Amino acid sequence: QDDNLNITVTGSNYVIESHNGKLIAGNGATQVDESTIEVLQENVTGEIEVDLLQGEDTLTVDYAGRLDWAPIVYDGGAAGFDSLVIEGTGGFSTSYNFINASDGDIRFTDGFSTADLTFIGLEPITDNLSATDRVFTYSALDDVIVLGDDGTAANGLSRISTSGTAETVDFTAPSGSLTVNM
């Protein structure tokens, strides 16, 4: 099954919504409706693990101006076309570290707090977060890195991609600096 999940923080709760299936609240979670659960942030003592298994899956994480999050690990699974969408405001700095063609991690910071998101088995990332600074760090593999427009006119997104050694990222332009480390 193709899954489409959203995670955000509202008040002191993580809110997890499915746009095409049912969610079942486990211990420490509250069932809001058949496709939404809430979990108190204080009840999450480790990582938020999202494993969507097979299919063409999308996880949307909306930081909504806050970085008081537990680390997220998103495993898109071995098959399908799995994507990550990042939303939010707040003027954070983002640092991408690419391990290989489909794995890596992102650190969001505002100078006081940080939030980490690890991704495994993904294809594209769309980062709509309003960022102050963006850093993209690539592995030591030989590669060609291409920075340009994402190909859709007037949508405000740029694209950074490689010839296959790192994930493609479409992103909004930072208000401060853009750094590419090779």
N, C-alpha and C. Protein backbone atom coordinates (compact mmCIF):
# COMPACT_ATOMS: atom_id res chain seq x y z
N GLN A 1 0.84 -1.18 0.00
CA GLN A 1 0.00 0.00 0.00
C GLN A 1 0.88 1.24 0.00
N ASP A 2 0.47 2.24 -0.73
CA ASP A 2 1.14 3.54 -0.72
C ASP A 2 0.66 4.32 0.49
N ASP A 3 1.61 4.84 1.26
CA ASP A 3 1.27 5.56 2.48
C ASP A 3 1.62 7.02 2.33
N ASN A 4 0.82 7.88 2.98
CA ASN A 4 1.03 9.32 2.98
C ASN A 4 0.78 9.81 4.41
N LEU A 5 1.87 10.02 5.17
CA LEU A 5 1.76 10.43 6.57
C LEU A 5 2.26 11.84 6.77
N ASN A 6 1.63 12.55 7.72
CA ASN A 6 2.08 13.87 8.17
C ASN A 6 2.38 13.80 9.65
N ILE A 7 3.47 14.45 10.07
CA ILE A 7 3.78 14.59 11.49
C ILE A 7 4.02 16.07 11.76
N THR A 8 3.41 16.57 12.83
CA THR A 8 3.65 17.93 13.28
C THR A 8 3.52 17.97 14.80
N VAL A 9 3.81 19.12 15.39
CA VAL A 9 3.61 19.31 16.82
C VAL A 9 2.55 20.39 17.00
N THR A 10 1.54 20.07 17.80
CA THR A 10 0.50 21.03 18.16
C THR A 10 0.43 21.06 19.67
N GLY A 11 0.68 22.22 20.26
CA GLY A 11 0.73 22.31 21.71
C GLY A 11 1.87 21.46 22.22
N SER A 12 1.58 20.49 23.06
CA SER A 12 2.60 19.58 23.57
C SER A 12 2.46 18.18 23.00
N ASN A 13 1.78 18.07 21.86
CA ASN A 13 1.53 16.77 21.24
C ASN A 13 2.14 16.64 19.86
N TYR A 14 2.68 15.46 19.57
CA TYR A 14 2.94 15.08 18.18
C TYR A 14 1.60 14.68 17.60
N VAL A 15 1.31 15.15 16.40
CA VAL A 15 0.08 14.77 15.70
C VAL A 15 0.50 14.02 14.45
N ILE A 16 0.03 12.79 14.32
CA ILE A 16 0.36 11.95 13.17
C ILE A 16 -0.93 11.67 12.42
N GLU A 17 -0.93 12.02 11.13
CA GLU A 17 -2.12 11.85 10.30
C GLU A 17 -1.79 11.00 9.08
N SER A 18 -2.70 10.11 8.75
CA SER A 18 -2.60 9.33 7.53
C SER A 18 -3.62 9.87 6.54
N HIS A 19 -3.18 10.12 5.32
CA HIS A 19 -4.10 10.65 4.31
C HIS A 19 -4.72 9.57 3.44
N ASN A 20 -4.39 8.32 3.71
CA ASN A 20 -4.97 7.27 2.88
C ASN A 20 -5.13 5.94 3.62
N GLY A 21 -5.19 5.99 4.93
CA GLY A 21 -5.36 4.75 5.67
C GLY A 21 -5.67 5.02 7.12
N LYS A 22 -5.90 3.94 7.84
CA LYS A 22 -6.21 4.04 9.25
C LYS A 22 -4.94 3.96 10.08
N LEU A 23 -4.96 4.67 11.20
CA LEU A 23 -3.90 4.58 12.20
C LEU A 23 -4.54 4.06 13.48
N ILE A 24 -3.80 3.27 14.22
CA ILE A 24 -4.29 2.74 15.49
C ILE A 24 -3.36 3.20 16.58
N ALA A 25 -3.92 3.88 17.57
CA ALA A 25 -3.14 4.42 18.68
C ALA A 25 -2.69 3.28 19.59
N GLY A 26 -1.39 3.27 19.89
CA GLY A 26 -0.86 2.31 20.85
C GLY A 26 -0.83 2.90 22.24
N ASN A 27 -0.12 2.23 23.14
CA ASN A 27 0.01 2.71 24.52
C ASN A 27 0.61 4.11 24.54
N GLY A 28 0.01 4.99 25.31
CA GLY A 28 0.52 6.35 25.46
C GLY A 28 0.06 7.30 24.37
N ALA A 29 -0.74 6.82 23.42
CA ALA A 29 -1.24 7.65 22.32
C ALA A 29 -2.76 7.78 22.43
N THR A 30 -3.28 8.82 21.82
CA THR A 30 -4.73 9.07 21.83
C THR A 30 -5.26 8.99 20.40
N GLN A 31 -6.33 8.23 20.22
CA GLN A 31 -6.99 8.12 18.92
C GLN A 31 -7.89 9.33 18.74
N VAL A 32 -7.58 10.21 17.78
CA VAL A 32 -8.40 11.40 17.51
C VAL A 32 -9.54 11.04 16.58
N ASP A 33 -9.23 10.36 15.50
CA ASP A 33 -10.20 9.79 14.58
C ASP A 33 -9.51 8.62 13.89
N GLU A 34 -10.15 8.02 12.90
CA GLU A 34 -9.57 6.80 12.33
C GLU A 34 -8.24 7.01 11.60
N SER A 35 -7.92 8.25 11.27
CA SER A 35 -6.67 8.50 10.55
C SER A 35 -5.72 9.44 11.29
N THR A 36 -6.01 9.76 12.56
CA THR A 36 -5.18 10.69 13.32
C THR A 36 -4.96 10.19 14.74
N ILE A 37 -3.69 10.26 15.17
CA ILE A 37 -3.38 9.97 16.56
C ILE A 37 -2.52 11.11 17.11
N GLU A 38 -2.58 11.29 18.44
CA GLU A 38 -1.75 12.27 19.12
C GLU A 38 -0.96 11.57 20.21
N VAL A 39 0.27 12.04 20.40
CA VAL A 39 1.14 11.50 21.44
C VAL A 39 1.78 12.67 22.16
N LEU A 40 1.70 12.68 23.49
CA LEU A 40 2.38 13.73 24.26
C LEU A 40 3.88 13.66 23.99
N GLN A 41 4.49 14.80 23.75
CA GLN A 41 5.93 14.83 23.50
C GLN A 41 6.71 14.18 24.64
N GLU A 42 6.28 14.39 25.86
CA GLU A 42 7.01 13.83 27.01
C GLU A 42 6.95 12.30 27.04
N ASN A 43 6.00 11.70 26.32
CA ASN A 43 5.91 10.24 26.27
C ASN A 43 6.89 9.62 25.27
N VAL A 44 7.50 10.45 24.43
CA VAL A 44 8.46 9.95 23.44
C VAL A 44 9.85 10.16 24.03
N THR A 45 10.48 9.06 24.44
CA THR A 45 11.77 9.16 25.12
C THR A 45 12.93 8.77 24.21
N GLY A 46 12.65 8.28 23.03
CA GLY A 46 13.70 7.92 22.07
C GLY A 46 13.39 8.56 20.74
N GLU A 47 13.62 7.81 19.68
CA GLU A 47 13.39 8.29 18.32
C GLU A 47 11.94 8.07 17.91
N ILE A 48 11.50 8.86 16.96
CA ILE A 48 10.25 8.60 16.27
C ILE A 48 10.64 7.80 15.02
N GLU A 49 10.26 6.55 14.98
CA GLU A 49 10.63 5.69 13.85
C GLU A 49 9.44 5.54 12.92
N VAL A 50 9.65 5.87 11.65
CA VAL A 50 8.62 5.76 10.64
C VAL A 50 9.11 4.76 9.60
N ASP A 51 8.48 3.60 9.54
CA ASP A 51 8.84 2.55 8.59
C ASP A 51 7.60 2.24 7.76
N LEU A 52 7.59 2.69 6.52
CA LEU A 52 6.40 2.58 5.69
C LEU A 52 6.42 1.36 4.77
N LEU A 53 7.44 0.52 4.89
CA LEU A 53 7.52 -0.76 4.20
C LEU A 53 7.47 -0.58 2.68
N GLN A 54 6.65 -1.36 2.02
CA GLN A 54 6.58 -1.36 0.56
C GLN A 54 5.66 -0.25 0.06
N GLY A 55 5.74 0.03 -1.24
CA GLY A 55 4.85 1.01 -1.85
C GLY A 55 5.55 2.32 -2.15
N GLU A 56 4.79 3.24 -2.67
CA GLU A 56 5.29 4.57 -2.97
C GLU A 56 4.78 5.49 -1.87
N ASP A 57 5.66 5.79 -0.93
CA ASP A 57 5.27 6.43 0.32
C ASP A 57 5.79 7.86 0.41
N THR A 58 5.06 8.70 1.15
CA THR A 58 5.49 10.07 1.42
C THR A 58 5.31 10.36 2.90
N LEU A 59 6.37 10.89 3.50
CA LEU A 59 6.30 11.40 4.87
C LEU A 59 6.47 12.91 4.78
N THR A 60 5.52 13.65 5.36
CA THR A 60 5.64 15.10 5.47
C THR A 60 5.86 15.45 6.94
N VAL A 61 6.95 16.17 7.21
CA VAL A 61 7.26 16.63 8.56
C VAL A 61 7.12 18.14 8.56
N ASP A 62 6.22 18.65 9.39
CA ASP A 62 5.99 20.09 9.47
C ASP A 62 6.53 20.59 10.80
N TYR A 63 7.70 21.24 10.76
CA TYR A 63 8.33 21.72 11.98
C TYR A 63 7.62 22.93 12.58
N ALA A 64 6.77 23.59 11.82
CA ALA A 64 5.88 24.65 12.32
C ALA A 64 6.55 25.61 13.30
N GLY A 65 7.79 26.01 12.98
CA GLY A 65 8.48 27.00 13.80
C GLY A 65 9.05 26.47 15.10
N ARG A 66 9.11 25.13 15.26
CA ARG A 66 9.58 24.54 16.52
C ARG A 66 10.61 23.46 16.26
N LEU A 67 11.60 23.38 17.14
CA LEU A 67 12.61 22.33 17.02
C LEU A 67 12.66 21.44 18.26
N ASP A 68 11.66 21.50 19.11
CA ASP A 68 11.64 20.66 20.32
C ASP A 68 11.07 19.27 19.99
N TRP A 69 11.77 18.60 19.08
CA TRP A 69 11.32 17.30 18.57
C TRP A 69 12.28 16.20 18.99
N ALA A 70 11.75 15.00 19.12
CA ALA A 70 12.60 13.81 19.23
C ALA A 70 13.20 13.56 17.85
N PRO A 71 14.36 12.90 17.78
CA PRO A 71 14.92 12.57 16.45
C PRO A 71 13.95 11.69 15.66
N ILE A 72 13.90 11.90 14.36
CA ILE A 72 13.05 11.10 13.47
C ILE A 72 13.95 10.23 12.60
N VAL A 73 13.57 8.95 12.46
CA VAL A 73 14.22 8.05 11.52
C VAL A 73 13.15 7.58 10.56
N TYR A 74 13.30 7.92 9.28
CA TYR A 74 12.32 7.56 8.25
C TYR A 74 12.94 6.54 7.32
N ASP A 75 12.38 5.33 7.33
CA ASP A 75 12.81 4.25 6.44
C ASP A 75 11.73 4.05 5.39
N GLY A 76 12.04 4.46 4.16
CA GLY A 76 11.06 4.35 3.08
C GLY A 76 10.87 2.92 2.59
N GLY A 77 11.75 2.00 2.96
CA GLY A 77 11.63 0.62 2.51
C GLY A 77 12.44 0.38 1.26
N ALA A 78 12.61 -0.88 0.93
CA ALA A 78 13.48 -1.27 -0.18
C ALA A 78 12.83 -1.08 -1.55
N ALA A 79 11.53 -1.12 -1.61
CA ALA A 79 10.86 -1.03 -2.91
C ALA A 79 10.01 0.24 -2.97
N GLY A 80 9.65 0.64 -4.17
CA GLY A 80 8.78 1.79 -4.35
C GLY A 80 9.55 3.08 -4.52
N PHE A 81 8.82 4.16 -4.62
CA PHE A 81 9.36 5.50 -4.80
C PHE A 81 8.95 6.28 -3.57
N ASP A 82 9.86 6.42 -2.62
CA ASP A 82 9.55 6.99 -1.32
C ASP A 82 10.12 8.39 -1.19
N SER A 83 9.32 9.32 -0.70
CA SER A 83 9.76 10.71 -0.65
C SER A 83 9.55 11.32 0.73
N LEU A 84 10.26 12.41 0.95
CA LEU A 84 10.19 13.18 2.18
C LEU A 84 9.88 14.62 1.82
N VAL A 85 8.91 15.21 2.54
CA VAL A 85 8.57 16.62 2.36
C VAL A 85 8.75 17.30 3.72
N ILE A 86 9.47 18.40 3.72
CA ILE A 86 9.73 19.15 4.95
C ILE A 86 9.04 20.50 4.83
N GLU A 87 8.24 20.83 5.82
CA GLU A 87 7.50 22.09 5.84
C GLU A 87 7.85 22.86 7.10
N GLY A 88 7.50 24.13 7.14
CA GLY A 88 7.62 24.90 8.36
C GLY A 88 8.24 26.26 8.16
N THR A 89 8.10 27.06 9.19
CA THR A 89 8.68 28.40 9.21
C THR A 89 9.60 28.49 10.41
N GLY A 90 10.33 29.55 10.54
CA GLY A 90 11.11 29.72 11.74
C GLY A 90 12.53 30.17 11.53
N GLY A 91 13.00 30.25 10.29
CA GLY A 91 14.35 30.72 10.05
C GLY A 91 15.44 29.81 10.55
N PHE A 92 15.24 28.50 10.48
CA PHE A 92 16.23 27.54 10.92
C PHE A 92 17.36 27.44 9.90
N SER A 93 18.47 26.91 10.36
CA SER A 93 19.54 26.50 9.45
C SER A 93 19.42 25.00 9.27
N THR A 94 19.69 24.54 8.05
CA THR A 94 19.60 23.10 7.77
C THR A 94 20.94 22.62 7.24
N SER A 95 21.33 21.44 7.70
CA SER A 95 22.57 20.81 7.25
C SER A 95 22.27 19.39 6.82
N TYR A 96 22.49 19.14 5.54
CA TYR A 96 22.30 17.81 4.97
C TYR A 96 23.64 17.08 4.93
N ASN A 97 23.64 15.81 5.29
CA ASN A 97 24.82 14.96 5.19
C ASN A 97 24.40 13.71 4.42
N PHE A 98 24.92 13.56 3.21
CA PHE A 98 24.54 12.44 2.36
C PHE A 98 25.52 11.29 2.53
N ILE A 99 24.99 10.09 2.79
CA ILE A 99 25.82 8.90 2.97
C ILE A 99 25.97 8.16 1.65
N ASN A 100 24.86 8.03 0.92
CA ASN A 100 24.86 7.37 -0.39
C ASN A 100 23.65 7.88 -1.17
N ALA A 101 23.28 7.16 -2.22
CA ALA A 101 22.23 7.63 -3.14
C ALA A 101 20.85 7.76 -2.49
N SER A 102 20.59 7.09 -1.37
CA SER A 102 19.25 7.14 -0.80
C SER A 102 19.22 7.30 0.72
N ASP A 103 20.39 7.45 1.36
CA ASP A 103 20.45 7.54 2.81
C ASP A 103 21.22 8.79 3.24
N GLY A 104 20.86 9.31 4.41
CA GLY A 104 21.58 10.45 4.96
C GLY A 104 20.85 11.00 6.16
N ASP A 105 21.23 12.21 6.56
CA ASP A 105 20.55 12.83 7.68
C ASP A 105 20.53 14.35 7.50
N ILE A 106 19.62 14.96 8.22
CA ILE A 106 19.44 16.41 8.18
C ILE A 106 19.40 16.90 9.61
N ARG A 107 20.13 17.98 9.89
CA ARG A 107 20.07 18.62 11.20
C ARG A 107 19.50 20.01 10.99
N PHE A 108 18.49 20.33 11.80
CA PHE A 108 17.87 21.64 11.81
C PHE A 108 18.30 22.32 13.10
N THR A 109 18.70 23.58 13.03
CA THR A 109 19.11 24.29 14.24
C THR A 109 18.67 25.75 14.16
N ASP A 110 18.40 26.31 15.32
CA ASP A 110 18.05 27.73 15.39
C ASP A 110 19.03 28.49 16.28
N GLY A 111 20.15 27.86 16.62
CA GLY A 111 21.13 28.47 17.49
C GLY A 111 20.96 28.07 18.95
N PHE A 112 19.79 27.57 19.30
CA PHE A 112 19.51 27.14 20.68
C PHE A 112 19.12 25.66 20.73
N SER A 113 18.31 25.24 19.78
CA SER A 113 17.79 23.87 19.75
C SER A 113 18.16 23.22 18.42
N THR A 114 18.15 21.89 18.43
CA THR A 114 18.37 21.14 17.19
C THR A 114 17.31 20.05 17.07
N ALA A 115 17.06 19.65 15.85
CA ALA A 115 16.21 18.50 15.55
C ALA A 115 16.90 17.72 14.44
N ASP A 116 16.90 16.40 14.57
CA ASP A 116 17.58 15.54 13.60
C ASP A 116 16.58 14.64 12.90
N LEU A 117 16.81 14.45 11.61
CA LEU A 117 15.98 13.57 10.81
C LEU A 117 16.91 12.70 9.96
N THR A 118 16.85 11.39 10.15
CA THR A 118 17.64 10.43 9.37
C THR A 118 16.72 9.82 8.33
N PHE A 119 17.21 9.70 7.09
CA PHE A 119 16.40 9.08 6.05
C PHE A 119 17.14 7.90 5.45
N ILE A 120 16.36 6.85 5.16
CA ILE A 120 16.88 5.59 4.62
C ILE A 120 15.98 5.17 3.47
N GLY A 121 16.57 4.84 2.33
CA GLY A 121 15.80 4.29 1.22
C GLY A 121 14.86 5.28 0.56
N LEU A 122 15.28 6.53 0.41
CA LEU A 122 14.42 7.53 -0.22
C LEU A 122 14.83 7.79 -1.66
N GLU A 123 13.95 8.44 -2.39
CA GLU A 123 14.26 8.94 -3.71
C GLU A 123 14.32 10.47 -3.62
N PRO A 124 13.26 11.25 -3.73
CA PRO A 124 13.45 12.70 -3.66
C PRO A 124 13.10 13.28 -2.28
N ILE A 125 13.67 14.47 -2.03
CA ILE A 125 13.31 15.26 -0.85
C ILE A 125 12.87 16.62 -1.35
N THR A 126 11.75 17.12 -0.80
CA THR A 126 11.30 18.48 -1.06
C THR A 126 11.34 19.22 0.26
N ASP A 127 12.15 20.26 0.33
CA ASP A 127 12.36 21.00 1.56
C ASP A 127 11.80 22.41 1.39
N ASN A 128 10.58 22.61 1.90
CA ASN A 128 9.90 23.91 1.82
C ASN A 128 10.11 24.75 3.07
N LEU A 129 10.99 24.31 3.96
CA LEU A 129 11.26 25.03 5.20
C LEU A 129 11.89 26.39 4.88
N SER A 130 11.42 27.43 5.56
CA SER A 130 12.05 28.73 5.37
C SER A 130 13.34 28.73 6.19
N ALA A 131 14.46 28.59 5.51
CA ALA A 131 15.75 28.42 6.18
C ALA A 131 16.59 29.69 6.07
N THR A 132 17.37 29.93 7.10
CA THR A 132 18.33 31.03 7.07
C THR A 132 19.57 30.62 6.27
N ASP A 133 20.11 29.46 6.62
CA ASP A 133 21.30 28.93 5.94
C ASP A 133 21.04 27.48 5.58
N ARG A 134 21.66 27.04 4.48
CA ARG A 134 21.57 25.64 4.06
C ARG A 134 22.98 25.15 3.75
N VAL A 135 23.28 23.94 4.26
CA VAL A 135 24.56 23.30 4.00
C VAL A 135 24.28 21.91 3.45
N PHE A 136 24.92 21.57 2.34
CA PHE A 136 24.83 20.24 1.74
C PHE A 136 26.22 19.64 1.74
N THR A 137 26.40 18.52 2.44
CA THR A 137 27.70 17.85 2.53
C THR A 137 27.61 16.49 1.87
N TYR A 138 28.50 16.26 0.90
CA TYR A 138 28.50 15.03 0.12
C TYR A 138 29.64 14.12 0.54
N SER A 139 29.50 12.83 0.20
CA SER A 139 30.53 11.85 0.55
C SER A 139 31.79 12.10 -0.28
N ALA A 140 32.82 11.32 -0.01
CA ALA A 140 34.09 11.47 -0.72
C ALA A 140 34.07 10.82 -2.10
N LEU A 141 32.96 10.24 -2.51
CA LEU A 141 32.87 9.61 -3.83
C LEU A 141 33.00 10.66 -4.93
N ASP A 142 33.59 10.25 -6.05
CA ASP A 142 33.65 11.14 -7.21
C ASP A 142 32.24 11.35 -7.72
N ASP A 143 31.89 12.59 -7.96
CA ASP A 143 30.55 12.87 -8.43
C ASP A 143 30.50 14.25 -9.07
N VAL A 144 29.43 14.48 -9.80
CA VAL A 144 29.13 15.79 -10.35
C VAL A 144 27.89 16.29 -9.62
N ILE A 145 27.99 17.46 -8.99
CA ILE A 145 26.87 18.05 -8.27
C ILE A 145 26.32 19.18 -9.11
N VAL A 146 25.00 19.15 -9.32
CA VAL A 146 24.34 20.14 -10.15
C VAL A 146 23.38 20.95 -9.29
N LEU A 147 23.52 22.27 -9.32
CA LEU A 147 22.64 23.18 -8.61
C LEU A 147 21.93 24.05 -9.63
N GLY A 148 20.60 24.08 -9.56
CA GLY A 148 19.84 24.88 -10.51
C GLY A 148 18.38 24.98 -10.10
N ASP A 149 17.55 25.36 -11.04
CA ASP A 149 16.11 25.44 -10.83
C ASP A 149 15.54 24.02 -10.82
N ASP A 150 14.41 23.83 -10.15
CA ASP A 150 13.82 22.49 -10.10
C ASP A 150 13.07 22.12 -11.37
N GLY A 151 12.93 23.05 -12.30
CA GLY A 151 12.29 22.75 -13.58
C GLY A 151 10.85 23.19 -13.67
N THR A 152 10.25 23.62 -12.57
CA THR A 152 8.89 24.13 -12.60
C THR A 152 8.95 25.65 -12.47
N ALA A 153 8.43 26.34 -13.46
CA ALA A 153 8.54 27.79 -13.51
C ALA A 153 7.85 28.46 -12.33
N ALA A 154 8.53 29.43 -11.74
CA ALA A 154 7.98 30.36 -10.75
C ALA A 154 7.44 29.71 -9.47
N ASN A 155 7.96 28.52 -9.10
CA ASN A 155 7.49 27.92 -7.85
C ASN A 155 8.43 28.19 -6.68
N GLY A 156 9.55 28.89 -6.91
CA GLY A 156 10.45 29.27 -5.83
C GLY A 156 11.36 28.17 -5.33
N LEU A 157 11.46 27.05 -6.05
CA LEU A 157 12.31 25.95 -5.61
C LEU A 157 13.55 25.80 -6.48
N SER A 158 14.66 25.54 -5.82
CA SER A 158 15.90 25.19 -6.50
C SER A 158 16.11 23.69 -6.33
N ARG A 159 17.03 23.12 -7.10
CA ARG A 159 17.33 21.69 -7.01
C ARG A 159 18.83 21.49 -6.94
N ILE A 160 19.23 20.60 -6.03
CA ILE A 160 20.61 20.14 -5.99
C ILE A 160 20.57 18.63 -6.18
N SER A 161 21.38 18.15 -7.13
CA SER A 161 21.35 16.73 -7.46
C SER A 161 22.74 16.27 -7.85
N THR A 162 22.90 14.95 -7.91
CA THR A 162 24.16 14.35 -8.31
C THR A 162 23.88 13.33 -9.41
N SER A 163 24.95 12.71 -9.88
CA SER A 163 24.78 11.67 -10.89
C SER A 163 24.52 10.31 -10.25
N GLY A 164 24.10 10.29 -9.00
CA GLY A 164 23.67 9.04 -8.39
C GLY A 164 24.29 8.71 -7.06
N THR A 165 25.09 9.60 -6.48
CA THR A 165 25.71 9.28 -5.19
C THR A 165 25.00 9.92 -4.00
N ALA A 166 23.97 10.71 -4.25
CA ALA A 166 23.24 11.35 -3.16
C ALA A 166 21.81 11.63 -3.60
N GLU A 167 20.98 11.89 -2.63
CA GLU A 167 19.58 12.18 -2.84
C GLU A 167 19.40 13.53 -3.54
N THR A 168 18.40 13.62 -4.41
CA THR A 168 18.02 14.90 -5.02
C THR A 168 17.18 15.67 -4.02
N VAL A 169 17.47 16.97 -3.86
CA VAL A 169 16.72 17.82 -2.93
C VAL A 169 16.23 19.05 -3.68
N ASP A 170 14.92 19.27 -3.65
CA ASP A 170 14.33 20.52 -4.10
C ASP A 170 14.13 21.36 -2.85
N PHE A 171 14.52 22.64 -2.89
CA PHE A 171 14.50 23.44 -1.67
C PHE A 171 14.23 24.90 -1.97
N THR A 172 13.69 25.59 -0.95
CA THR A 172 13.53 27.04 -1.05
C THR A 172 14.88 27.69 -0.78
N ALA A 173 15.10 28.82 -1.41
CA ALA A 173 16.38 29.52 -1.25
C ALA A 173 16.52 30.01 0.19
N PRO A 174 17.70 29.85 0.77
CA PRO A 174 17.91 30.37 2.12
C PRO A 174 18.01 31.89 2.10
N SER A 175 17.66 32.51 3.22
CA SER A 175 17.76 33.97 3.29
C SER A 175 19.18 34.43 3.60
N GLY A 176 20.03 33.51 4.08
CA GLY A 176 21.41 33.84 4.43
C GLY A 176 22.40 33.26 3.43
N SER A 177 22.86 32.03 3.69
CA SER A 177 23.91 31.44 2.87
C SER A 177 23.56 30.03 2.41
N LEU A 178 24.21 29.65 1.30
CA LEU A 178 24.12 28.28 0.77
C LEU A 178 25.55 27.77 0.64
N THR A 179 25.83 26.62 1.27
CA THR A 179 27.18 26.04 1.25
C THR A 179 27.08 24.62 0.72
N VAL A 180 27.98 24.26 -0.21
CA VAL A 180 28.07 22.90 -0.72
C VAL A 180 29.47 22.38 -0.42
N ASN A 181 29.53 21.33 0.39
CA ASN A 181 30.81 20.70 0.74
C ASN A 181 30.96 19.39 -0.02
N MET A 182 32.09 19.27 -0.73
CA MET A 182 32.32 18.06 -1.53
C MET A 182 33.53 17.31 -0.99
